[in-house]
Protein backbone atom coordinates (compact mmCIF):
# COMPACT_ATOMS: atom_id res chain seq x y z
CA TYR A 1 7.26 -7.35 -1.56
CA ILE A 2 9.20 -5.49 1.36
CA LEU A 3 10.99 -7.76 4.15
CA LEU A 4 10.02 -5.35 7.58
CA SER A 5 12.92 -6.78 9.15
CA LYS A 6 14.17 -9.80 10.49
CA CYS A 7 12.03 -9.85 13.70
CA PRO A 8 8.14 -9.58 12.50
CA GLN A 9 6.20 -6.68 13.48
CA ILE A 10 2.30 -5.67 14.44
CA VAL A 11 1.83 -3.06 11.67
CA THR A 12 -0.80 -0.61 12.41
CA GLU A 13 -0.75 1.61 9.41
CA ILE A 14 0.80 2.03 5.79
CA ARG A 15 1.29 5.21 4.12
CA VAL A 16 1.41 5.39 0.60
CA SER A 17 2.54 8.74 -1.38
CA TYR A 18 1.50 9.25 -4.77
CA ILE A 19 1.93 12.18 -7.74
CA VAL A 20 -0.88 13.99 -9.35
CA ALA A 21 0.32 15.73 -12.49
CA PRO A 22 -2.51 15.17 -14.99
CA SER A 23 -0.52 17.04 -17.73
CA TRP A 24 1.79 14.13 -17.58
CA GLY A 25 -1.01 11.69 -17.35
CA LYS A 26 -0.22 11.13 -13.79
CA TYR A 27 -3.57 10.72 -11.59
CA ALA A 28 -4.89 9.52 -8.27
CA PRO A 29 -5.09 5.97 -7.67
CA LYS A 30 -8.82 4.67 -7.42
CA SER A 31 -7.66 1.77 -5.36
CA LEU A 32 -4.73 -0.18 -3.55
CA VAL A 33 -4.55 -3.79 -2.48
CA ILE A 34 -1.53 -4.25 0.22
CA LYS A 35 -1.21 -7.74 1.31
CA GLY A 36 0.98 -8.93 4.56
CA SER A 37 2.29 -12.29 5.61
CA LEU A 38 4.99 -13.97 8.08
CA GLU A 39 6.51 -15.36 5.34
CA ARG A 40 6.74 -14.28 1.67
CA GLY A 41 3.37 -15.03 -0.32
CA SER A 42 3.58 -17.60 -3.24
CA ASN A 43 1.49 -19.90 -4.76
CA SER A 44 2.20 -22.53 -2.15
CA THR A 45 1.86 -19.86 0.92
CA PRO A 46 -0.72 -17.52 0.62
CA TRP A 47 -0.70 -14.37 2.07
CA MET A 48 -2.30 -14.00 5.46
CA PHE A 49 -3.87 -10.34 5.52
CA THR A 50 -5.33 -8.39 2.80
CA LYS A 51 -6.29 -4.76 2.52
CA THR A 52 -8.19 -3.07 0.06
CA TRP A 53 -8.18 0.71 0.01
CA THR A 54 -10.67 2.87 -1.94
CA ASP A 55 -11.27 5.76 0.31
CA SER A 56 -10.14 9.54 0.30
CA PHE A 57 -7.74 10.14 -2.58
CA PRO A 58 -6.83 13.59 -2.99
CA THR A 59 -7.00 14.34 -6.61
CA SER A 60 -5.67 17.82 -6.94
CA GLN A 61 -1.98 18.84 -8.39
CA GLY A 62 0.73 17.45 -6.20
CA GLY A 63 2.10 15.08 -4.19
CA HIS A 64 -0.45 13.29 -1.49
CA THR A 65 -0.08 10.46 1.17
CA VAL A 66 -3.19 8.44 2.21
CA VAL A 67 -3.16 6.34 5.37
CA VAL A 68 -4.49 2.81 5.28
CA PRO A 69 -4.92 1.41 8.64
CA THR A 70 -4.31 -2.37 8.78
CA LEU A 71 -6.21 -2.82 12.29
CA GLY A 72 -7.02 -6.62 12.20
CA TRP A 73 -3.81 -7.68 11.10
CA GLY A 74 -1.63 -9.86 13.05
CA VAL A 75 1.95 -9.91 13.18
CA VAL A 76 3.81 -9.96 9.94
CA GLN A 77 7.48 -9.81 8.32
CA TYR A 78 6.49 -9.25 4.60
CA ILE A 79 4.28 -6.44 3.19
CA GLU A 80 3.29 -6.32 -0.63
CA LEU A 81 1.67 -3.43 -2.48
CA SER A 82 0.32 -5.75 -5.04
CA GLU A 83 -2.29 -3.56 -6.96
CA VAL A 84 -2.37 0.34 -7.90
CA SER A 85 -5.59 1.06 -10.06
CA PRO A 86 -5.30 4.59 -11.34
CA SER A 87 -8.63 6.42 -11.73
CA ALA A 88 -7.23 7.77 -15.13
CA GLY A 89 -4.02 7.53 -16.96
CA TYR A 90 -1.55 6.26 -14.68
CA SER A 91 -0.80 6.23 -10.96
CA VAL A 92 2.78 6.76 -9.84
CA VAL A 93 3.41 5.80 -5.98
CA SER A 94 6.29 7.46 -4.79
CA ARG A 95 6.89 6.05 -1.38
CA ILE A 96 5.51 3.47 1.20
CA THR A 97 5.99 3.79 4.89
CA VAL A 98 5.08 1.20 7.19
CA HIS A 99 4.33 2.26 10.95
CA GLY A 100 4.06 -0.19 13.99
CA HIS A 101 5.55 -1.71 16.95
């Protein structure tokens, strides 16, 4: 999980970057699952918001970034990239950035 800051924020989008290099067995994701909450998720404290993203993953060789909107999420302090499902082989996430206010 990622602690956004000591103060909760409204997250409007999360950008996830990844690398496609088929000769190395690295492919675009097929789907991502991102979770957010005021408290860190656990068995006793479930995540408040969940976003599954399956749209528009560029598959050409090189680095790519997808923008995952989090409309409808309330104030969060923690996020988690909980699942990355590869379209083939492996998917390598290289960067995650969180945007909001």
